[in-house]
Amino acid sequence: MLTEPHPHTPDGRYFVVRGRLWRTSNPDIPVSERVTLVSELMAARRAIRDARGEPDQTRQARARVDAAKTALGERGPVWWTDGEPDYNRHLVRNTPYAAWHADLTSDA
């Protein structure tokens, strides 16, 4: 049964939104650093909103979002070390998590 709005895969690497996997932040980032990075991410997202109609400012704000998400481990090189591939942004049904997700949603 789905009990959380966005279920996380059993290994904690992804959460699922509308059938698509999204990489989670690196759980090994210290809390103080995570807070700083999330604050920067939110500020960069607000900067995108505020830059509407200004292509250069929008581009700069998007680069800030990308840098924050990369530092959090949500983009760029994977944060796990076991050699498993990255399924970020893949449809869950096309990944090794398909059976897990099917079982999860069949109880809903």
PDB file of N, CA and C in Angstrom:
ATOM      1  N   MET A   1       0.844  -1.188   0.000  1.00  0.00           N
ATOM      2  CA  MET A   1       0.000   0.000   0.000  1.00  0.00           C
ATOM      3  C   MET A   1       0.883   1.244   0.000  1.00  0.00           C
ATOM      4  N   LEU A   2       0.524   2.247  -0.781  1.00  0.00           N
ATOM      5  CA  LEU A   2       1.274   3.494  -0.825  1.00  0.00           C
ATOM      6  C   LEU A   2       0.931   4.312   0.414  1.00  0.00           C
ATOM      7  N   THR A   3       1.910   4.500   1.285  1.00  0.00           N
ATOM      8  CA  THR A   3       1.659   5.251   2.507  1.00  0.00           C
ATOM      9  C   THR A   3       2.371   6.592   2.513  1.00  0.00           C
ATOM     10  N   GLU A   4       3.350   6.782   1.648  1.00  0.00           N
ATOM     11  CA  GLU A   4       4.028   8.064   1.566  1.00  0.00           C
ATOM     12  C   GLU A   4       3.762   8.651   0.191  1.00  0.00           C
ATOM     13  N   PRO A   5       3.789   9.982   0.073  1.00  0.00           N
ATOM     14  CA  PRO A   5       3.451  10.590  -1.212  1.00  0.00           C
ATOM     15  C   PRO A   5       4.387  10.166  -2.341  1.00  0.00           C
ATOM     16  N   HIS A   6       5.649   9.975  -2.027  1.00  0.00           N
ATOM     17  CA  HIS A   6       6.624   9.553  -3.033  1.00  0.00           C
ATOM     18  C   HIS A   6       7.434   8.411  -2.437  1.00  0.00           C
ATOM     19  N   PRO A   7       7.079   7.186  -2.794  1.00  0.00           N
ATOM     20  CA  PRO A   7       7.796   6.050  -2.206  1.00  0.00           C
ATOM     21  C   PRO A   7       9.257   6.022  -2.638  1.00  0.00           C
ATOM     22  N   HIS A   8      10.092   5.564  -1.718  1.00  0.00           N
ATOM     23  CA  HIS A   8      11.526   5.419  -1.972  1.00  0.00           C
ATOM     24  C   HIS A   8      11.830   3.953  -2.247  1.00  0.00           C
ATOM     25  N   THR A   9      12.761   3.725  -3.166  1.00  0.00           N
ATOM     26  CA  THR A   9      13.154   2.354  -3.469  1.00  0.00           C
ATOM     27  C   THR A   9      13.780   1.731  -2.218  1.00  0.00           C
ATOM     28  N   PRO A  10      13.745   0.411  -2.125  1.00  0.00           N
ATOM     29  CA  PRO A  10      14.280  -0.248  -0.925  1.00  0.00           C
ATOM     30  C   PRO A  10      15.735   0.115  -0.617  1.00  0.00           C
ATOM     31  N   ASP A  11      16.528   0.419  -1.644  1.00  0.00           N
ATOM     32  CA  ASP A  11      17.932   0.779  -1.410  1.00  0.00           C
ATOM     33  C   ASP A  11      18.116   2.265  -1.115  1.00  0.00           C
ATOM     34  N   GLY A  12      17.031   3.050  -1.172  1.00  0.00           N
ATOM     35  CA  GLY A  12      17.091   4.465  -0.839  1.00  0.00           C
ATOM     36  C   GLY A  12      17.710   5.352  -1.897  1.00  0.00           C
ATOM     37  N   ARG A  13      17.969   4.815  -3.070  1.00  0.00           N
ATOM     38  CA  ARG A  13      18.630   5.609  -4.111  1.00  0.00           C
ATOM     39  C   ARG A  13      17.680   6.516  -4.884  1.00  0.00           C
ATOM     40  N   TYR A  14      16.410   6.146  -4.936  1.00  0.00           N
ATOM     41  CA  TYR A  14      15.439   6.881  -5.752  1.00  0.00           C
ATOM     42  C   TYR A  14      14.127   7.030  -5.008  1.00  0.00           C
ATOM     43  N   PHE A  15      13.344   8.018  -5.438  1.00  0.00           N
ATOM     44  CA  PHE A  15      11.941   8.078  -5.074  1.00  0.00           C
ATOM     45  C   PHE A  15      11.166   8.076  -6.384  1.00  0.00           C
ATOM     46  N   VAL A  16       9.894   7.736  -6.321  1.00  0.00           N
ATOM     47  CA  VAL A  16       9.088   7.555  -7.528  1.00  0.00           C
ATOM     48  C   VAL A  16       7.992   8.618  -7.573  1.00  0.00           C
ATOM     49  N   VAL A  17       7.910   9.313  -8.705  1.00  0.00           N
ATOM     50  CA  VAL A  17       6.839  10.271  -8.950  1.00  0.00           C
ATOM     51  C   VAL A  17       6.246   9.949 -10.306  1.00  0.00           C
ATOM     52  N   ARG A  18       4.942   9.663 -10.314  1.00  0.00           N
ATOM     53  CA  ARG A  18       4.217   9.336 -11.553  1.00  0.00           C
ATOM     54  C   ARG A  18       4.959   8.303 -12.391  1.00  0.00           C
ATOM     55  N   GLY A  19       5.452   7.257 -11.718  1.00  0.00           N
ATOM     56  CA  GLY A  19       6.066   6.134 -12.412  1.00  0.00           C
ATOM     57  C   GLY A  19       7.489   6.352 -12.871  1.00  0.00           C
ATOM     58  N   ARG A  20       8.111   7.444 -12.450  1.00  0.00           N
ATOM     59  CA  ARG A  20       9.474   7.750 -12.874  1.00  0.00           C
ATOM     60  C   ARG A  20      10.382   7.816 -11.644  1.00  0.00           C
ATOM     61  N   LEU A  21      11.600   7.285 -11.796  1.00  0.00           N
ATOM     62  CA  LEU A  21      12.584   7.313 -10.719  1.00  0.00           C
ATOM     63  C   LEU A  21      13.337   8.642 -10.718  1.00  0.00           C
ATOM     64  N   TRP A  22      13.527   9.177  -9.518  1.00  0.00           N
ATOM     65  CA  TRP A  22      14.309  10.401  -9.335  1.00  0.00           C
ATOM     66  C   TRP A  22      15.342  10.123  -8.251  1.00  0.00           C
ATOM     67  N   ARG A  23      16.582  10.429  -8.522  1.00  0.00           N
ATOM     68  CA  ARG A  23      17.659  10.139  -7.579  1.00  0.00           C
ATOM     69  C   ARG A  23      17.524  10.986  -6.313  1.00  0.00           C
ATOM     70  N   THR A  24      17.718  10.347  -5.178  1.00  0.00           N
ATOM     71  CA  THR A  24      17.689  11.064  -3.907  1.00  0.00           C
ATOM     72  C   THR A  24      19.045  11.713  -3.644  1.00  0.00           C
ATOM     73  N   SER A  25      19.055  12.597  -2.676  1.00  0.00           N
ATOM     74  CA  SER A  25      20.308  13.214  -2.248  1.00  0.00           C
ATOM     75  C   SER A  25      21.197  12.175  -1.583  1.00  0.00           C
ATOM     76  N   ASN A  26      22.473  12.446  -1.602  1.00  0.00           N
ATOM     77  CA  ASN A  26      23.448  11.576  -0.960  1.00  0.00           C
ATOM     78  C   ASN A  26      23.212  11.597   0.556  1.00  0.00           C
ATOM     79  N   PRO A  27      22.880  10.459   1.150  1.00  0.00           N
ATOM     80  CA  PRO A  27      22.604  10.443   2.591  1.00  0.00           C
ATOM     81  C   PRO A  27      23.846  10.667   3.449  1.00  0.00           C
ATOM     82  N   ASP A  28      25.035  10.615   2.858  1.00  0.00           N
ATOM     83  CA  ASP A  28      26.268  10.803   3.614  1.00  0.00           C
ATOM     84  C   ASP A  28      26.700  12.268   3.736  1.00  0.00           C
ATOM     85  N   ILE A  29      25.946  13.179   3.116  1.00  0.00           N
ATOM     86  CA  ILE A  29      26.278  14.598   3.246  1.00  0.00           C
ATOM     87  C   ILE A  29      25.935  15.034   4.673  1.00  0.00           C
ATOM     88  N   PRO A  30      26.870  15.678   5.356  1.00  0.00           N
ATOM     89  CA  PRO A  30      26.584  16.147   6.719  1.00  0.00           C
ATOM     90  C   PRO A  30      25.375  17.102   6.738  1.00  0.00           C
ATOM     91  N   VAL A  31      24.619  17.053   7.813  1.00  0.00           N
ATOM     92  CA  VAL A  31      23.388  17.826   7.922  1.00  0.00           C
ATOM     93  C   VAL A  31      23.625  19.313   7.682  1.00  0.00           C
ATOM     94  N   SER A  32      24.651  19.865   8.256  1.00  0.00           N
ATOM     95  CA  SER A  32      24.897  21.304   8.094  1.00  0.00           C
ATOM     96  C   SER A  32      25.153  21.657   6.630  1.00  0.00           C
ATOM     97  N   GLU A  33      25.895  20.802   5.933  1.00  0.00           N
ATOM     98  CA  GLU A  33      26.153  21.033   4.502  1.00  0.00           C
ATOM     99  C   GLU A  33      24.871  20.859   3.694  1.00  0.00           C
ATOM    100  N   ARG A  34      24.075  19.854   4.038  1.00  0.00           N
ATOM    101  CA  ARG A  34      22.808  19.614   3.340  1.00  0.00           C
ATOM    102  C   ARG A  34      21.886  20.827   3.478  1.00  0.00           C
ATOM    103  N   VAL A  35      21.799  21.384   4.682  1.00  0.00           N
ATOM    104  CA  VAL A  35      20.947  22.553   4.913  1.00  0.00           C
ATOM    105  C   VAL A  35      21.397  23.709   4.033  1.00  0.00           C
ATOM    106  N   THR A  36      22.695  23.940   3.962  1.00  0.00           N
ATOM    107  CA  THR A  36      23.240  25.016   3.127  1.00  0.00           C
ATOM    108  C   THR A  36      22.912  24.774   1.656  1.00  0.00           C
ATOM    109  N   LEU A  37      23.112  23.543   1.197  1.00  0.00           N
ATOM    110  CA  LEU A  37      22.854  23.230  -0.217  1.00  0.00           C
ATOM    111  C   LEU A  37      21.371  23.336  -0.559  1.00  0.00           C
ATOM    112  N   VAL A  38      20.515  22.880   0.313  1.00  0.00           N
ATOM    113  CA  VAL A  38      19.068  22.970   0.060  1.00  0.00           C
ATOM    114  C   VAL A  38      18.635  24.435   0.049  1.00  0.00           C
ATOM    115  N   SER A  39      19.202  25.245   0.941  1.00  0.00           N
ATOM    116  CA  SER A  39      18.888  26.679   0.935  1.00  0.00           C
ATOM    117  C   SER A  39      19.304  27.319  -0.382  1.00  0.00           C
ATOM    118  N   GLU A  40      20.475  26.967  -0.873  1.00  0.00           N
ATOM    119  CA  GLU A  40      20.936  27.488  -2.161  1.00  0.00           C
ATOM    120  C   GLU A  40      20.028  27.009  -3.295  1.00  0.00           C
ATOM    121  N   LEU A  41      19.631  25.745  -3.252  1.00  0.00           N
ATOM    122  CA  LEU A  41      18.734  25.213  -4.278  1.00  0.00           C
ATOM    123  C   LEU A  41      17.415  25.984  -4.308  1.00  0.00           C
ATOM    124  N   MET A  42      16.835  26.222  -3.146  1.00  0.00           N
ATOM    125  CA  MET A  42      15.562  26.946  -3.092  1.00  0.00           C
ATOM    126  C   MET A  42      15.744  28.390  -3.564  1.00  0.00           C
ATOM    127  N   ALA A  43      16.844  29.033  -3.176  1.00  0.00           N
ATOM    128  CA  ALA A  43      17.108  30.402  -3.637  1.00  0.00           C
ATOM    129  C   ALA A  43      17.278  30.437  -5.155  1.00  0.00           C
ATOM    130  N   ALA A  44      17.951  29.441  -5.708  1.00  0.00           N
ATOM    131  CA  ALA A  44      18.143  29.381  -7.161  1.00  0.00           C
ATOM    132  C   ALA A  44      16.816  29.159  -7.868  1.00  0.00           C
ATOM    133  N   ARG A  45      15.957  28.343  -7.300  1.00  0.00           N
ATOM    134  CA  ARG A  45      14.633  28.128  -7.912  1.00  0.00           C
ATOM    135  C   ARG A  45      13.815  29.420  -7.882  1.00  0.00           C
ATOM    136  N   ARG A  46      13.908  30.159  -6.784  1.00  0.00           N
ATOM    137  CA  ARG A  46      13.212  31.455  -6.725  1.00  0.00           C
ATOM    138  C   ARG A  46      13.802  32.415  -7.759  1.00  0.00           C
ATOM    139  N   ALA A  47      15.110  32.344  -7.959  1.00  0.00           N
ATOM    140  CA  ALA A  47      15.758  33.208  -8.951  1.00  0.00           C
ATOM    141  C   ALA A  47      15.261  32.887 -10.358  1.00  0.00           C
ATOM    142  N   ILE A  48      15.004  31.613 -10.637  1.00  0.00           N
ATOM    143  CA  ILE A  48      14.432  31.255 -11.942  1.00  0.00           C
ATOM    144  C   ILE A  48      13.070  31.909 -12.093  1.00  0.00           C
ATOM    145  N   ARG A  49      12.255  31.785 -11.062  1.00  0.00           N
ATOM    146  CA  ARG A  49      10.914  32.387 -11.099  1.00  0.00           C
ATOM    147  C   ARG A  49      11.007  33.894 -11.324  1.00  0.00           C
ATOM    148  N   ASP A  50      11.908  34.536 -10.609  1.00  0.00           N
ATOM    149  CA  ASP A  50      12.024  35.989 -10.671  1.00  0.00           C
ATOM    150  C   ASP A  50      12.666  36.481 -11.962  1.00  0.00           C
ATOM    151  N   ALA A  51      13.325  35.605 -12.695  1.00  0.00           N
ATOM    152  CA  ALA A  51      14.040  36.000 -13.916  1.00  0.00           C
ATOM    153  C   ALA A  51      13.211  35.834 -15.184  1.00  0.00           C
ATOM    154  N   ARG A  52      11.946  35.577 -15.047  1.00  0.00           N
ATOM    155  CA  ARG A  52      11.104  35.388 -16.249  1.00  0.00           C
ATOM    156  C   ARG A  52      11.290  36.542 -17.220  1.00  0.00           C
ATOM    157  N   GLY A  53      11.502  36.176 -18.472  1.00  0.00           N
ATOM    158  CA  GLY A  53      11.683  37.177 -19.510  1.00  0.00           C
ATOM    159  C   GLY A  53      13.099  37.707 -19.613  1.00  0.00           C
ATOM    160  N   GLU A  54      13.981  37.232 -18.765  1.00  0.00           N
ATOM    161  CA  GLU A  54      15.380  37.661 -18.776  1.00  0.00           C
ATOM    162  C   GLU A  54      16.252  36.435 -19.046  1.00  0.00           C
ATOM    163  N   PRO A  55      16.552  36.138 -20.308  1.00  0.00           N
ATOM    164  CA  PRO A  55      17.262  34.904 -20.655  1.00  0.00           C
ATOM    165  C   PRO A  55      18.600  34.716 -19.944  1.00  0.00           C
ATOM    166  N   ASP A  56      19.391  35.776 -19.817  1.00  0.00           N
ATOM    167  CA  ASP A  56      20.698  35.620 -19.168  1.00  0.00           C
ATOM    168  C   ASP A  56      20.544  35.294 -17.684  1.00  0.00           C
ATOM    169  N   GLN A  57      19.646  35.977 -17.018  1.00  0.00           N
ATOM    170  CA  GLN A  57      19.416  35.712 -15.599  1.00  0.00           C
ATOM    171  C   GLN A  57      18.827  34.317 -15.396  1.00  0.00           C
ATOM    172  N   THR A  58      17.931  33.911 -16.291  1.00  0.00           N
ATOM    173  CA  THR A  58      17.343  32.576 -16.202  1.00  0.00           C
ATOM    174  C   THR A  58      18.421  31.518 -16.363  1.00  0.00           C
ATOM    175  N   ARG A  59      19.292  31.701 -17.328  1.00  0.00           N
ATOM    176  CA  ARG A  59      20.374  30.749 -17.576  1.00  0.00           C
ATOM    177  C   ARG A  59      21.286  30.643 -16.344  1.00  0.00           C
ATOM    178  N   GLN A  60      21.622  31.778 -15.749  1.00  0.00           N
ATOM    179  CA  GLN A  60      22.470  31.776 -14.556  1.00  0.00           C
ATOM    180  C   GLN A  60      21.773  31.069 -13.380  1.00  0.00           C
ATOM    181  N   ALA A  61      20.490  31.329 -13.212  1.00  0.00           N
ATOM    182  CA  ALA A  61      19.750  30.706 -12.118  1.00  0.00           C
ATOM    183  C   ALA A  61      19.643  29.199 -12.331  1.00  0.00           C
ATOM    184  N   ARG A  62      19.429  28.784 -13.562  1.00  0.00           N
ATOM    185  CA  ARG A  62      19.374  27.346 -13.848  1.00  0.00           C
ATOM    186  C   ARG A  62      20.721  26.681 -13.591  1.00  0.00           C
ATOM    187  N   ALA A  63      21.792  27.377 -13.873  1.00  0.00           N
ATOM    188  CA  ALA A  63      23.122  26.836 -13.584  1.00  0.00           C
ATOM    189  C   ALA A  63      23.311  26.679 -12.077  1.00  0.00           C
ATOM    190  N   ARG A  64      22.772  27.608 -11.294  1.00  0.00           N
ATOM    191  CA  ARG A  64      22.840  27.494  -9.831  1.00  0.00           C
ATOM    192  C   ARG A  64      22.048  26.283  -9.343  1.00  0.00           C
ATOM    193  N   VAL A  65      20.859  26.063  -9.923  1.00  0.00           N
ATOM    194  CA  VAL A  65      20.061  24.882  -9.559  1.00  0.00           C
ATOM    195  C   VAL A  65      20.850  23.626  -9.869  1.00  0.00           C
ATOM    196  N   ASP A  66      21.422  23.561 -11.053  1.00  0.00           N
ATOM    197  CA  ASP A  66      22.185  22.376 -11.436  1.00  0.00           C
ATOM    198  C   ASP A  66      23.368  22.153 -10.499  1.00  0.00           C
ATOM    199  N   ALA A  67      24.072  23.211 -10.143  1.00  0.00           N
ATOM    200  CA  ALA A  67      25.218  23.075  -9.242  1.00  0.00           C
ATOM    201  C   ALA A  67      24.784  22.563  -7.872  1.00  0.00           C
ATOM    202  N   ALA A  68      23.678  23.074  -7.354  1.00  0.00           N
ATOM    203  CA  ALA A  68      23.197  22.626  -6.046  1.00  0.00           C
ATOM    204  C   ALA A  68      22.749  21.173  -6.098  1.00  0.00           C
ATOM    205  N   LYS A  69      22.018  20.799  -7.145  1.00  0.00           N
ATOM    206  CA  LYS A  69      21.547  19.420  -7.261  1.00  0.00           C
ATOM    207  C   LYS A  69      22.727  18.460  -7.465  1.00  0.00           C
ATOM    208  N   THR A  70      23.741  18.891  -8.173  1.00  0.00           N
ATOM    209  CA  THR A  70      24.936  18.064  -8.348  1.00  0.00           C
ATOM    210  C   THR A  70      25.655  17.902  -7.009  1.00  0.00           C
ATOM    211  N   ALA A  71      25.790  18.977  -6.259  1.00  0.00           N
ATOM    212  CA  ALA A  71      26.447  18.905  -4.949  1.00  0.00           C
ATOM    213  C   ALA A  71      25.668  18.016  -3.978  1.00  0.00           C
ATOM    214  N   LEU A  72      24.343  17.996  -4.109  1.00  0.00           N
ATOM    215  CA  LEU A  72      23.510  17.135  -3.265  1.00  0.00           C
ATOM    216  C   LEU A  72      23.571  15.669  -3.702  1.00  0.00           C
ATOM    217  N   GLY A  73      24.079  15.419  -4.901  1.00  0.00           N
ATOM    218  CA  GLY A  73      24.153  14.053  -5.404  1.00  0.00           C
ATOM    219  C   GLY A  73      22.964  13.640  -6.240  1.00  0.00           C
ATOM    220  N   GLU A  74      22.055  14.569  -6.502  1.00  0.00           N
ATOM    221  CA  GLU A  74      20.860  14.253  -7.286  1.00  0.00           C
ATOM    222  C   GLU A  74      21.141  14.240  -8.786  1.00  0.00           C
ATOM    223  N   ARG A  75      22.244  14.843  -9.180  1.00  0.00           N
ATOM    224  CA  ARG A  75      22.685  14.856 -10.580  1.00  0.00           C
ATOM    225  C   ARG A  75      24.178  14.560 -10.583  1.00  0.00           C
ATOM    226  N   GLY A  76      24.707  14.349 -11.771  1.00  0.00           N
ATOM    227  CA  GLY A  76      26.136  14.106 -11.892  1.00  0.00           C
ATOM    228  C   GLY A  76      26.485  12.680 -11.503  1.00  0.00           C
ATOM    229  N   PRO A  77      27.718  12.469 -11.063  1.00  0.00           N
ATOM    230  CA  PRO A  77      28.150  11.114 -10.704  1.00  0.00           C
ATOM    231  C   PRO A  77      27.294  10.564  -9.555  1.00  0.00           C
ATOM    232  N   VAL A  78      27.050   9.266  -9.595  1.00  0.00           N
ATOM    233  CA  VAL A  78      26.253   8.644  -8.531  1.00  0.00           C
ATOM    234  C   VAL A  78      27.004   8.676  -7.219  1.00  0.00           C
ATOM    235  N   TRP A  79      26.270   8.672  -6.122  1.00  0.00           N
ATOM    236  CA  TRP A  79      26.901   8.730  -4.806  1.00  0.00           C
ATOM    237  C   TRP A  79      27.147   7.359  -4.201  1.00  0.00           C
ATOM    238  N   TRP A  80      26.609   6.313  -4.786  1.00  0.00           N
ATOM    239  CA  TRP A  80      26.869   4.969  -4.269  1.00  0.00           C
ATOM    240  C   TRP A  80      28.120   4.413  -4.929  1.00  0.00           C
ATOM    241  N   THR A  81      28.707   3.409  -4.288  1.00  0.00           N
ATOM    242  CA  THR A  81      30.029   2.946  -4.722  1.00  0.00           C
ATOM    243  C   THR A  81      30.053   1.480  -5.139  1.00  0.00           C
ATOM    244  N   ASP A  82      28.888   0.865  -5.293  1.00  0.00           N
ATOM    245  CA  ASP A  82      28.877  -0.564  -5.606  1.00  0.00           C
ATOM    246  C   ASP A  82      28.862  -0.862  -7.102  1.00  0.00           C
ATOM    247  N   GLY A  83      28.962   0.165  -7.926  1.00  0.00           N
ATOM    248  CA  GLY A  83      29.027  -0.041  -9.368  1.00  0.00           C
ATOM    249  C   GLY A  83      27.685  -0.189 -10.062  1.00  0.00           C
ATOM    250  N   GLU A  84      26.592  -0.127  -9.315  1.00  0.00           N
ATOM    251  CA  GLU A  84      25.266  -0.243  -9.931  1.00  0.00           C
ATOM    252  C   GLU A  84      25.001   0.968 -10.824  1.00  0.00           C
ATOM    253  N   PRO A  85      24.303   0.748 -11.947  1.00  0.00           N
ATOM    254  CA  PRO A  85      24.033   1.855 -12.866  1.00  0.00           C
ATOM    255  C   PRO A  85      23.023   2.846 -12.289  1.00  0.00           C
ATOM    256  N   ASP A  86      22.967   3.992 -12.928  1.00  0.00           N
ATOM    257  CA  ASP A  86      22.040   5.049 -12.529  1.00  0.00           C
ATOM    258  C   ASP A  86      20.771   4.952 -13.374  1.00  0.00           C
ATOM    259  N   TYR A  87      19.627   4.903 -12.706  1.00  0.00           N
ATOM    260  CA  TYR A  87      18.340   4.869 -13.400  1.00  0.00           C
ATOM    261  C   TYR A  87      17.567   6.164 -13.197  1.00  0.00           C
ATOM    262  N   ASN A  88      18.264   7.241 -12.870  1.00  0.00           N
ATOM    263  CA  ASN A  88      17.610   8.528 -12.664  1.00  0.00           C
ATOM    264  C   ASN A  88      16.805   8.914 -13.899  1.00  0.00           C
ATOM    265  N   ARG A  89      15.577   9.313 -13.662  1.00  0.00           N
ATOM    266  CA  ARG A  89      14.621   9.774 -14.675  1.00  0.00           C
ATOM    267  C   ARG A  89      14.084   8.654 -15.569  1.00  0.00           C
ATOM    268  N   HIS A  90      14.432   7.413 -15.296  1.00  0.00           N
ATOM    269  CA  HIS A  90      13.887   6.294 -16.064  1.00  0.00           C
ATOM    270  C   HIS A  90      12.487   5.952 -15.554  1.00  0.00           C
ATOM    271  N   LEU A  91      11.666   5.431 -16.441  1.00  0.00           N
ATOM    272  CA  LEU A  91      10.392   4.883 -15.996  1.00  0.00           C
ATOM    273  C   LEU A  91      10.687   3.659 -15.153  1.00  0.00           C
ATOM    274  N   VAL A  92      10.068   3.589 -13.989  1.00  0.00           N
ATOM    275  CA  VAL A  92      10.360   2.501 -13.061  1.00  0.00           C
ATOM    276  C   VAL A  92      10.071   1.139 -13.695  1.00  0.00           C
ATOM    277  N   ARG A  93       9.081   1.076 -14.567  1.00  0.00           N
ATOM    278  CA  ARG A  93       8.721  -0.205 -15.184  1.00  0.00           C
ATOM    279  C   ARG A  93       9.811  -0.750 -16.105  1.00  0.00           C
ATOM    280  N   ASN A  94      10.762   0.106 -16.498  1.00  0.00           N
ATOM    281  CA  ASN A  94      11.851  -0.305 -17.380  1.00  0.00           C
ATOM    282  C   ASN A  94      13.157  -0.520 -16.625  1.00  0.00           C
ATOM    283  N   THR A  95      13.075  -0.716 -15.325  1.00  0.00           N
ATOM    284  CA  THR A  95      14.271  -0.851 -14.490  1.00  0.00           C
ATOM    285  C   THR A  95      14.162  -2.095 -13.619  1.00  0.00           C
ATOM    286  N   PRO A  96      15.227  -2.446 -12.927  1.00  0.00           N
ATOM    287  CA  PRO A  96      15.161  -3.570 -11.996  1.00  0.00           C
ATOM    288  C   PRO A  96      14.192  -3.340 -10.830  1.00  0.00           C
ATOM    289  N   TYR A  97      13.686  -2.132 -10.664  1.00  0.00           N
ATOM    290  CA  TYR A  97      12.737  -1.827  -9.596  1.00  0.00           C
ATOM    291  C   TYR A  97      11.281  -2.086 -10.009  1.00  0.00           C
ATOM    292  N   ALA A  98      11.069  -2.574 -11.201  1.00  0.00           N
ATOM    293  CA  ALA A  98       9.713  -2.746 -11.732  1.00  0.00           C
ATOM    294  C   ALA A  98       8.854  -3.645 -10.855  1.00  0.00           C
ATOM    295  N   ALA A  99       9.355  -4.802 -10.463  1.00  0.00           N
ATOM    296  CA  ALA A  99       8.556  -5.736  -9.652  1.00  0.00           C
ATOM    297  C   ALA A  99       8.249  -5.134  -8.289  1.00  0.00           C
ATOM    298  N   TRP A 100       9.235  -4.489  -7.673  1.00  0.00           N
ATOM    299  CA  TRP A 100       9.004  -3.832  -6.389  1.00  0.00           C
ATOM    300  C   TRP A 100       7.882  -2.813  -6.510  1.00  0.00           C
ATOM    301  N   HIS A 101       7.923  -1.979  -7.553  1.00  0.00           N
ATOM    302  CA  HIS A 101       6.918  -0.938  -7.726  1.00  0.00           C
ATOM    303  C   HIS A 101       5.553  -1.535  -8.035  1.00  0.00           C
ATOM    304  N   ALA A 102       5.531  -2.575  -8.845  1.00  0.00           N
ATOM    305  CA  ALA A 102       4.257  -3.231  -9.168  1.00  0.00           C
ATOM    306  C   ALA A 102       3.614  -3.787  -7.897  1.00  0.00           C
ATOM    307  N   ASP A 103       4.415  -4.409  -7.043  1.00  0.00           N
ATOM    308  CA  ASP A 103       3.882  -4.907  -5.773  1.00  0.00           C
ATOM    309  C   ASP A 103       3.378  -3.763  -4.903  1.00  0.00           C
ATOM    310  N   LEU A 104       4.085  -2.690  -4.881  1.00  0.00           N
ATOM    311  CA  LEU A 104       3.722  -1.535  -4.077  1.00  0.00           C
ATOM    312  C   LEU A 104       2.401  -0.938  -4.535  1.00  0.00           C
ATOM    313  N   THR A 105       2.250  -0.773  -5.833  1.00  0.00           N
ATOM    314  CA  THR A 105       1.048  -0.126  -6.360  1.00  0.00           C
ATOM    315  C   THR A 105      -0.139  -1.066  -6.444  1.00  0.00           C
ATOM    316  N   SER A 106       0.113  -2.375  -6.453  1.00  0.00           N
ATOM    317  CA  SER A 106      -1.013  -3.324  -6.520  1.00  0.00           C
ATOM    318  C   SER A 106      -1.798  -3.340  -5.226  1.00  0.00           C
ATOM    319  N   ASP A 107      -1.175  -2.904  -4.121  1.00  0.00           N
ATOM    320  CA  ASP A 107      -1.854  -2.849  -2.837  1.00  0.00           C
ATOM    321  C   ASP A 107      -2.626  -1.555  -2.643  1.00  0.00           C
ATOM    322  N   ALA A 108      -2.411  -0.594  -3.538  1.00  0.00           N
ATOM    323  CA  ALA A 108      -3.039   0.728  -3.363  1.00  0.00           C
ATOM    324  C   ALA A 108      -4.516   0.690  -3.630  1.00  0.00           C
TER     325      ALA A 108
END
